[in-house]
N, C-alpha and C. Protein backbone atom coordinates (compact mmCIF):
# COMPACT_ATOMS: atom_id res chain seq x y z
N MET A 1 174.11 -135.53 -300.39
CA MET A 1 175.14 -134.54 -300.27
C MET A 1 176.47 -135.04 -300.85
N ASP A 2 176.70 -136.34 -300.77
CA ASP A 2 177.91 -136.91 -301.35
C ASP A 2 177.92 -136.76 -302.86
N GLU A 3 176.75 -136.89 -303.49
CA GLU A 3 176.67 -136.70 -304.94
C GLU A 3 177.02 -135.27 -305.32
N PHE A 4 176.54 -134.32 -304.52
CA PHE A 4 176.84 -132.91 -304.79
C PHE A 4 178.33 -132.65 -304.63
N ARG A 5 178.95 -133.22 -303.60
CA ARG A 5 180.40 -133.07 -303.41
C ARG A 5 181.17 -133.64 -304.61
N GLU A 6 180.73 -134.80 -305.07
CA GLU A 6 181.40 -135.42 -306.22
C GLU A 6 181.23 -134.59 -307.49
N MET A 7 180.02 -134.04 -307.67
CA MET A 7 179.80 -133.15 -308.83
C MET A 7 180.70 -131.93 -308.75
N LEU A 8 180.80 -131.34 -307.55
CA LEU A 8 181.66 -130.17 -307.37
C LEU A 8 183.11 -130.51 -307.66
N LEU A 9 183.59 -131.62 -307.14
CA LEU A 9 184.97 -132.03 -307.34
C LEU A 9 185.26 -132.26 -308.83
N THR A 10 184.36 -132.93 -309.51
CA THR A 10 184.53 -133.18 -310.95
C THR A 10 184.54 -131.87 -311.73
N PHE A 11 183.62 -130.97 -311.39
CA PHE A 11 183.56 -129.67 -312.06
C PHE A 11 184.84 -128.87 -311.83
N LEU A 12 185.29 -128.82 -310.58
CA LEU A 12 186.48 -128.03 -310.27
C LEU A 12 187.73 -128.64 -310.89
N LYS A 13 187.79 -129.97 -310.96
CA LYS A 13 188.93 -130.62 -311.63
C LYS A 13 188.97 -130.26 -313.10
N SER A 14 187.80 -130.24 -313.73
CA SER A 14 187.78 -129.91 -315.16
C SER A 14 188.07 -128.42 -315.39
N ASP A 15 187.68 -127.58 -314.44
CA ASP A 15 187.87 -126.14 -314.60
C ASP A 15 189.24 -125.67 -314.14
N LEU A 16 189.73 -126.21 -313.02
CA LEU A 16 190.98 -125.73 -312.43
C LEU A 16 192.13 -126.70 -312.57
N GLY A 17 191.86 -127.90 -313.02
CA GLY A 17 192.90 -128.92 -313.09
C GLY A 17 192.91 -129.74 -311.81
N ASP A 18 193.62 -130.84 -311.85
CA ASP A 18 193.67 -131.74 -310.69
C ASP A 18 194.66 -131.19 -309.67
N GLN A 19 194.17 -130.46 -308.69
CA GLN A 19 195.00 -129.85 -307.65
C GLN A 19 194.79 -130.61 -306.34
N PRO A 20 195.84 -130.74 -305.54
CA PRO A 20 195.67 -131.46 -304.26
C PRO A 20 194.78 -130.72 -303.27
N SER A 21 194.60 -129.42 -303.42
CA SER A 21 193.82 -128.64 -302.46
C SER A 21 192.35 -128.47 -302.86
N LEU A 22 191.91 -129.17 -303.89
CA LEU A 22 190.52 -129.01 -304.34
C LEU A 22 189.51 -129.49 -303.30
N SER A 23 189.88 -130.48 -302.52
CA SER A 23 188.93 -130.96 -301.51
C SER A 23 188.62 -129.87 -300.48
N ASN A 24 189.61 -129.03 -300.15
CA ASN A 24 189.35 -127.90 -299.24
C ASN A 24 188.38 -126.91 -299.87
N LEU A 25 188.56 -126.66 -301.15
CA LEU A 25 187.66 -125.75 -301.86
C LEU A 25 186.25 -126.33 -301.93
N VAL A 26 186.13 -127.61 -302.17
CA VAL A 26 184.82 -128.27 -302.20
C VAL A 26 184.14 -128.14 -300.84
N ASN A 27 184.89 -128.38 -299.77
CA ASN A 27 184.32 -128.25 -298.42
C ASN A 27 183.85 -126.83 -298.15
N ARG A 28 184.63 -125.84 -298.57
CA ARG A 28 184.24 -124.44 -298.38
C ARG A 28 182.96 -124.12 -299.16
N ILE A 29 182.86 -124.63 -300.37
CA ILE A 29 181.67 -124.38 -301.19
C ILE A 29 180.45 -125.05 -300.58
N VAL A 30 180.60 -126.28 -300.07
CA VAL A 30 179.47 -126.99 -299.45
C VAL A 30 179.01 -126.25 -298.21
N ILE A 31 179.94 -125.77 -297.39
CA ILE A 31 179.56 -124.99 -296.21
C ILE A 31 178.85 -123.71 -296.61
N MET A 32 179.34 -123.06 -297.66
CA MET A 32 178.71 -121.83 -298.14
C MET A 32 177.31 -122.14 -298.71
N ALA A 33 177.15 -123.29 -299.35
CA ALA A 33 175.87 -123.65 -299.96
C ALA A 33 174.80 -123.94 -298.93
N ASP A 34 175.20 -124.42 -297.78
CA ASP A 34 174.24 -124.78 -296.72
C ASP A 34 173.79 -123.50 -296.00
N ILE A 35 172.87 -122.78 -296.62
CA ILE A 35 172.43 -121.48 -296.13
C ILE A 35 171.79 -121.59 -294.74
N ASN A 36 170.93 -122.55 -294.55
CA ASN A 36 170.22 -122.66 -293.28
C ASN A 36 171.02 -123.44 -292.23
N GLN A 37 172.22 -123.87 -292.57
CA GLN A 37 173.16 -124.53 -291.67
C GLN A 37 172.54 -125.73 -290.94
N ASP A 38 171.85 -126.56 -291.71
CA ASP A 38 171.25 -127.76 -291.12
C ASP A 38 172.10 -129.01 -291.37
N GLY A 39 173.28 -128.82 -291.99
CA GLY A 39 174.15 -129.96 -292.26
C GLY A 39 173.85 -130.67 -293.55
N ARG A 40 172.84 -130.21 -294.29
CA ARG A 40 172.47 -130.80 -295.58
C ARG A 40 172.34 -129.67 -296.61
N VAL A 41 172.63 -130.01 -297.85
CA VAL A 41 172.45 -129.06 -298.94
C VAL A 41 171.21 -129.49 -299.71
N SER A 42 170.18 -128.65 -299.69
CA SER A 42 168.94 -128.97 -300.39
C SER A 42 169.15 -128.79 -301.90
N LEU A 43 168.19 -129.24 -302.67
CA LEU A 43 168.27 -129.11 -304.12
C LEU A 43 168.31 -127.64 -304.52
N ALA A 44 167.50 -126.81 -303.88
CA ALA A 44 167.48 -125.38 -304.19
C ALA A 44 168.83 -124.73 -303.87
N GLU A 45 169.42 -125.09 -302.73
CA GLU A 45 170.72 -124.54 -302.37
C GLU A 45 171.79 -124.99 -303.36
N ALA A 46 171.74 -126.26 -303.74
CA ALA A 46 172.71 -126.79 -304.69
C ALA A 46 172.58 -126.12 -306.05
N LYS A 47 171.35 -125.92 -306.52
CA LYS A 47 171.14 -125.27 -307.81
C LYS A 47 171.66 -123.84 -307.79
N SER A 48 171.43 -123.14 -306.70
CA SER A 48 171.88 -121.76 -306.58
C SER A 48 173.40 -121.67 -306.66
N VAL A 49 174.09 -122.49 -305.88
CA VAL A 49 175.55 -122.46 -305.89
C VAL A 49 176.09 -122.95 -307.22
N TRP A 50 175.45 -123.95 -307.80
CA TRP A 50 175.92 -124.47 -309.10
C TRP A 50 175.83 -123.39 -310.18
N ALA A 51 174.76 -122.61 -310.17
CA ALA A 51 174.62 -121.52 -311.15
C ALA A 51 175.71 -120.48 -310.94
N LEU A 52 176.02 -120.17 -309.69
CA LEU A 52 177.06 -119.19 -309.41
C LEU A 52 178.45 -119.67 -309.83
N LEU A 53 178.70 -120.96 -309.66
CA LEU A 53 180.01 -121.49 -310.02
C LEU A 53 180.28 -121.44 -311.52
N GLN A 54 179.25 -121.24 -312.32
CA GLN A 54 179.44 -121.12 -313.76
C GLN A 54 179.97 -119.74 -314.14
N VAL A 55 179.94 -118.80 -313.20
CA VAL A 55 180.46 -117.44 -313.42
C VAL A 55 181.92 -117.42 -312.99
N ASN A 56 182.81 -117.15 -313.93
CA ASN A 56 184.25 -117.21 -313.64
C ASN A 56 184.67 -116.27 -312.52
N GLU A 57 184.11 -115.06 -312.48
CA GLU A 57 184.48 -114.10 -311.45
C GLU A 57 184.11 -114.62 -310.06
N PHE A 58 182.96 -115.30 -309.95
CA PHE A 58 182.54 -115.84 -308.67
C PHE A 58 183.48 -116.97 -308.23
N LEU A 59 183.83 -117.84 -309.16
CA LEU A 59 184.75 -118.93 -308.85
C LEU A 59 186.11 -118.38 -308.42
N LEU A 60 186.59 -117.36 -309.09
CA LEU A 60 187.85 -116.73 -308.73
C LEU A 60 187.75 -116.11 -307.33
N MET A 61 186.64 -115.46 -307.04
CA MET A 61 186.45 -114.83 -305.74
C MET A 61 186.42 -115.89 -304.63
N ILE A 62 185.74 -116.98 -304.84
CA ILE A 62 185.67 -118.05 -303.84
C ILE A 62 187.04 -118.70 -303.65
N SER A 63 187.75 -118.90 -304.73
CA SER A 63 189.06 -119.56 -304.65
C SER A 63 190.10 -118.71 -303.94
N LEU A 64 190.01 -117.41 -304.11
CA LEU A 64 191.02 -116.51 -303.54
C LEU A 64 190.45 -115.66 -302.42
N HIS A 65 189.47 -116.16 -301.69
CA HIS A 65 188.74 -115.35 -300.71
C HIS A 65 189.62 -114.80 -299.59
N GLU A 66 190.72 -115.45 -299.28
CA GLU A 66 191.54 -114.99 -298.16
C GLU A 66 192.54 -113.91 -298.55
N LYS A 67 192.62 -113.56 -299.81
CA LYS A 67 193.57 -112.54 -300.26
C LYS A 67 193.01 -111.15 -300.01
N GLU A 68 193.90 -110.21 -299.71
CA GLU A 68 193.45 -108.87 -299.35
C GLU A 68 192.90 -108.07 -300.53
N HIS A 69 193.23 -108.45 -301.74
CA HIS A 69 192.78 -107.69 -302.91
C HIS A 69 191.48 -108.23 -303.51
N ILE A 70 190.88 -109.21 -302.87
CA ILE A 70 189.62 -109.78 -303.35
C ILE A 70 188.49 -109.24 -302.50
N SER A 71 187.45 -108.76 -303.16
CA SER A 71 186.30 -108.26 -302.40
C SER A 71 185.57 -109.43 -301.73
N LYS A 72 184.99 -109.17 -300.60
CA LYS A 72 184.32 -110.21 -299.81
C LYS A 72 182.90 -110.44 -300.33
N LEU A 73 182.46 -111.67 -300.27
CA LEU A 73 181.11 -112.04 -300.66
C LEU A 73 180.16 -111.65 -299.53
N MET A 74 179.18 -110.82 -299.85
CA MET A 74 178.22 -110.37 -298.84
C MET A 74 177.00 -111.30 -298.80
N GLY A 75 176.62 -111.85 -299.93
CA GLY A 75 175.48 -112.75 -299.99
C GLY A 75 175.16 -113.12 -301.42
N TYR A 76 174.23 -114.05 -301.58
CA TYR A 76 173.82 -114.46 -302.92
C TYR A 76 172.41 -115.01 -302.87
N CYS A 77 171.77 -115.00 -304.01
CA CYS A 77 170.43 -115.56 -304.17
C CYS A 77 170.29 -115.97 -305.63
N GLY A 78 170.04 -117.24 -305.86
CA GLY A 78 169.96 -117.71 -307.24
C GLY A 78 171.31 -117.57 -307.91
N ASN A 79 171.33 -116.96 -309.08
CA ASN A 79 172.60 -116.77 -309.76
C ASN A 79 173.11 -115.33 -309.63
N LEU A 80 172.61 -114.60 -308.64
CA LEU A 80 173.08 -113.25 -308.35
C LEU A 80 173.88 -113.26 -307.06
N TYR A 81 174.92 -112.45 -307.01
CA TYR A 81 175.70 -112.36 -305.78
C TYR A 81 176.09 -110.91 -305.54
N VAL A 82 176.34 -110.59 -304.28
CA VAL A 82 176.68 -109.23 -303.88
C VAL A 82 178.04 -109.27 -303.18
N THR A 83 178.91 -108.37 -303.58
CA THR A 83 180.21 -108.25 -302.94
C THR A 83 180.32 -106.89 -302.28
N GLU A 84 181.31 -106.77 -301.41
CA GLU A 84 181.54 -105.47 -300.79
C GLU A 84 182.05 -104.49 -301.83
N LYS A 85 181.76 -103.23 -301.60
CA LYS A 85 182.27 -102.19 -302.51
C LYS A 85 183.69 -101.89 -302.10
N VAL A 86 184.58 -101.96 -303.06
CA VAL A 86 185.98 -101.70 -302.80
C VAL A 86 186.32 -100.33 -303.38
N PRO A 87 186.63 -99.37 -302.51
CA PRO A 87 186.97 -98.04 -303.03
C PRO A 87 188.32 -98.09 -303.74
N HIS A 88 188.45 -97.32 -304.76
CA HIS A 88 189.74 -97.24 -305.44
C HIS A 88 190.02 -95.78 -305.77
N ASP A 89 191.27 -95.42 -305.61
CA ASP A 89 191.73 -94.06 -305.88
C ASP A 89 192.75 -94.11 -307.00
N SER A 90 192.99 -92.96 -307.55
CA SER A 90 194.02 -92.86 -308.57
C SER A 90 195.39 -92.90 -307.92
N LEU A 91 196.31 -93.61 -308.51
CA LEU A 91 197.68 -93.63 -307.99
C LEU A 91 198.47 -92.41 -308.44
N TYR A 92 197.93 -91.65 -309.37
CA TYR A 92 198.69 -90.56 -309.95
C TYR A 92 198.23 -89.19 -309.49
N GLY A 93 197.20 -89.10 -308.74
CA GLY A 93 196.74 -87.80 -308.27
C GLY A 93 195.23 -87.76 -308.17
N MET A 94 194.71 -86.58 -308.00
CA MET A 94 193.28 -86.41 -307.87
C MET A 94 192.63 -86.45 -309.25
N GLU A 95 191.52 -87.12 -309.35
CA GLU A 95 190.81 -87.17 -310.61
C GLU A 95 189.94 -85.92 -310.75
N VAL A 96 190.28 -85.09 -311.70
CA VAL A 96 189.53 -83.87 -311.95
C VAL A 96 188.33 -84.23 -312.82
N PRO A 97 187.13 -83.75 -312.46
CA PRO A 97 185.95 -84.08 -313.29
C PRO A 97 186.17 -83.70 -314.75
N HIS A 98 185.62 -84.50 -315.64
CA HIS A 98 185.81 -84.30 -317.07
C HIS A 98 185.31 -82.95 -317.54
N ILE A 99 184.33 -82.41 -316.87
CA ILE A 99 183.78 -81.10 -317.26
C ILE A 99 184.80 -79.99 -317.02
N LEU A 100 185.59 -80.12 -315.96
CA LEU A 100 186.54 -79.08 -315.60
C LEU A 100 187.88 -79.19 -316.33
N GLN A 101 188.20 -80.35 -316.85
CA GLN A 101 189.51 -80.54 -317.48
C GLN A 101 189.79 -79.56 -318.62
N PRO A 102 188.84 -79.31 -319.54
CA PRO A 102 189.15 -78.36 -320.62
C PRO A 102 189.29 -76.92 -320.11
N LEU A 103 188.69 -76.63 -318.96
CA LEU A 103 188.71 -75.26 -318.44
C LEU A 103 190.00 -74.92 -317.69
N LEU A 104 190.69 -75.92 -317.20
CA LEU A 104 191.90 -75.68 -316.42
C LEU A 104 193.13 -75.81 -317.30
N PRO A 105 194.08 -74.90 -317.13
CA PRO A 105 195.34 -75.02 -317.89
C PRO A 105 196.10 -76.28 -317.47
N SER A 106 196.92 -76.78 -318.36
CA SER A 106 197.65 -78.02 -318.07
C SER A 106 198.59 -77.86 -316.89
N ALA A 107 199.14 -76.67 -316.68
CA ALA A 107 200.03 -76.45 -315.53
C ALA A 107 199.26 -76.61 -314.21
N VAL A 108 198.03 -76.12 -314.18
CA VAL A 108 197.21 -76.25 -312.97
C VAL A 108 196.86 -77.72 -312.73
N LEU A 109 196.52 -78.44 -313.79
CA LEU A 109 196.22 -79.87 -313.66
C LEU A 109 197.44 -80.63 -313.12
N LYS A 110 198.62 -80.27 -313.61
CA LYS A 110 199.85 -80.93 -313.16
C LYS A 110 200.08 -80.68 -311.66
N VAL A 111 199.87 -79.44 -311.22
CA VAL A 111 200.05 -79.11 -309.80
C VAL A 111 199.03 -79.86 -308.96
N ILE A 112 197.79 -79.95 -309.43
CA ILE A 112 196.75 -80.68 -308.69
C ILE A 112 197.15 -82.14 -308.54
N HIS A 113 197.65 -82.74 -309.62
CA HIS A 113 198.06 -84.14 -309.56
C HIS A 113 199.23 -84.33 -308.61
N GLN A 114 200.19 -83.40 -308.61
CA GLN A 114 201.35 -83.54 -307.72
C GLN A 114 200.97 -83.39 -306.25
N TRP A 115 200.10 -82.45 -305.95
CA TRP A 115 199.75 -82.18 -304.56
C TRP A 115 198.83 -83.24 -303.96
N PHE A 116 197.96 -83.79 -304.76
CA PHE A 116 196.96 -84.71 -304.22
C PHE A 116 197.26 -86.18 -304.50
N ALA A 117 198.39 -86.47 -305.10
CA ALA A 117 198.77 -87.86 -305.36
C ALA A 117 199.20 -88.53 -304.05
N PRO A 118 198.96 -89.82 -303.93
CA PRO A 118 199.46 -90.54 -302.75
C PRO A 118 200.99 -90.47 -302.70
N ALA A 119 201.54 -90.56 -301.51
CA ALA A 119 202.99 -90.53 -301.36
C ALA A 119 203.61 -91.74 -302.05
N TRP A 120 204.87 -91.59 -302.46
CA TRP A 120 205.54 -92.67 -303.18
C TRP A 120 205.61 -93.96 -302.39
N PRO A 121 205.87 -93.94 -301.08
CA PRO A 121 205.86 -95.22 -300.36
C PRO A 121 204.51 -95.93 -300.42
N ARG A 122 203.43 -95.16 -300.38
CA ARG A 122 202.09 -95.76 -300.49
C ARG A 122 201.87 -96.35 -301.88
N ARG A 123 202.29 -95.63 -302.90
CA ARG A 123 202.17 -96.15 -304.27
C ARG A 123 202.98 -97.43 -304.43
N ALA A 124 204.19 -97.44 -303.86
CA ALA A 124 205.04 -98.63 -303.96
C ALA A 124 204.40 -99.81 -303.24
N LYS A 125 203.81 -99.57 -302.06
CA LYS A 125 203.16 -100.65 -301.30
C LYS A 125 201.99 -101.22 -302.10
N ILE A 126 201.18 -100.36 -302.70
CA ILE A 126 200.04 -100.81 -303.50
C ILE A 126 200.53 -101.64 -304.70
N THR A 127 201.55 -101.14 -305.37
CA THR A 127 202.07 -101.82 -306.55
C THR A 127 202.65 -103.19 -306.20
N ILE A 128 203.42 -103.26 -305.13
CA ILE A 128 203.99 -104.54 -304.71
C ILE A 128 202.89 -105.51 -304.31
N GLY A 129 201.87 -105.01 -303.61
CA GLY A 129 200.74 -105.86 -303.24
C GLY A 129 200.02 -106.41 -304.45
N LEU A 130 199.82 -105.58 -305.46
CA LEU A 130 199.15 -106.06 -306.68
C LEU A 130 200.01 -107.06 -307.44
N LEU A 131 201.32 -106.83 -307.48
CA LEU A 131 202.20 -107.80 -308.14
C LEU A 131 202.20 -109.14 -307.42
N GLU A 132 202.19 -109.11 -306.09
CA GLU A 132 202.10 -110.36 -305.33
C GLU A 132 200.77 -111.06 -305.58
N PHE A 133 199.71 -110.27 -305.69
CA PHE A 133 198.40 -110.84 -305.98
C PHE A 133 198.37 -111.51 -307.36
N ILE A 134 198.94 -110.85 -308.34
CA ILE A 134 199.00 -111.41 -309.70
C ILE A 134 199.81 -112.70 -309.70
N GLU A 135 200.92 -112.72 -308.95
CA GLU A 135 201.72 -113.93 -308.88
C GLU A 135 200.93 -115.07 -308.22
N GLU A 136 200.13 -114.73 -307.20
CA GLU A 136 199.30 -115.73 -306.54
C GLU A 136 198.24 -116.29 -307.49
N ILE A 137 197.70 -115.43 -308.34
CA ILE A 137 196.70 -115.90 -309.31
C ILE A 137 197.33 -116.88 -310.30
N PHE A 138 198.54 -116.56 -310.77
CA PHE A 138 199.19 -117.43 -311.75
C PHE A 138 199.74 -118.71 -311.15
N HIS A 139 200.14 -118.68 -309.88
CA HIS A 139 200.75 -119.85 -309.26
C HIS A 139 200.09 -120.13 -307.92
N GLY A 140 198.78 -120.13 -307.89
CA GLY A 140 198.04 -120.23 -306.65
C GLY A 140 197.76 -121.65 -306.21
N THR A 141 197.07 -121.75 -305.10
CA THR A 141 196.73 -123.02 -304.50
C THR A 141 195.83 -123.86 -305.39
N TYR A 142 194.93 -123.20 -306.10
CA TYR A 142 193.93 -123.92 -306.90
C TYR A 142 194.23 -123.86 -308.39
N GLY A 143 195.47 -123.72 -308.76
CA GLY A 143 195.83 -123.72 -310.17
C GLY A 143 196.04 -122.33 -310.71
N ASN A 144 196.06 -122.24 -312.02
CA ASN A 144 196.35 -120.97 -312.69
C ASN A 144 195.06 -120.31 -313.15
N PHE A 145 194.96 -119.01 -312.89
CA PHE A 145 193.86 -118.22 -313.40
C PHE A 145 194.44 -117.20 -314.36
N TYR A 146 193.76 -116.95 -315.44
CA TYR A 146 194.20 -115.96 -316.40
C TYR A 146 193.13 -114.89 -316.50
N ILE A 147 193.53 -113.65 -316.26
CA ILE A 147 192.61 -112.53 -316.30
C ILE A 147 192.84 -111.79 -317.60
N CYS A 148 191.81 -111.71 -318.41
CA CYS A 148 191.95 -111.05 -319.71
C CYS A 148 191.39 -109.63 -319.68
N ASP A 149 190.26 -109.42 -319.02
CA ASP A 149 189.66 -108.09 -318.96
C ASP A 149 189.65 -107.65 -317.49
N THR A 150 190.54 -106.74 -317.14
CA THR A 150 190.75 -106.38 -315.75
C THR A 150 190.22 -105.00 -315.39
N SER A 151 189.21 -104.53 -316.09
CA SER A 151 188.68 -103.21 -315.74
C SER A 151 187.96 -103.26 -314.40
N THR A 152 187.85 -102.11 -313.76
CA THR A 152 187.26 -102.05 -312.41
C THR A 152 185.77 -102.38 -312.41
N LYS A 153 185.12 -102.35 -313.54
CA LYS A 153 183.68 -102.67 -313.55
C LYS A 153 183.41 -104.16 -313.35
N TYR A 154 184.46 -105.02 -313.50
CA TYR A 154 184.28 -106.46 -313.34
C TYR A 154 184.70 -106.98 -311.97
N SER A 155 185.24 -106.13 -311.13
CA SER A 155 185.66 -106.59 -309.80
C SER A 155 185.31 -105.53 -308.78
N GLY A 156 184.94 -106.01 -307.61
CA GLY A 156 184.65 -105.11 -306.49
C GLY A 156 183.26 -104.56 -306.50
């Protein structure tokens, strides 16, 4: 198990840089890897977690697991993992189905968006939360993460 810890630490140092908090992350990964909770990480458990750590999204999720904007890990098997489904709504109003958009006049679409949009305080709270999350990613505990493709199909 000490060899696995050392491999994890070396991998995380090369991927995230030499951070003082990496030992906490290694401990969290080792606890997560010990599926049967017998105090040892078997070769199969180690291979499974090692394959997952090669996926940047998984590493980001594990590193930022305590943040409110990160979906929770529900389980994993091999190099596949399952996260909770995170619902998302439009900040600008109700999303009208694409089939109906050409049929409705633009004035009606505008009224629909105004009436069904979240209130401004809610929009502001969401926006501030996302900005704080982005700042945490850039200046976080485990180094800097850079997100290049942020579409909803890659998270949640």
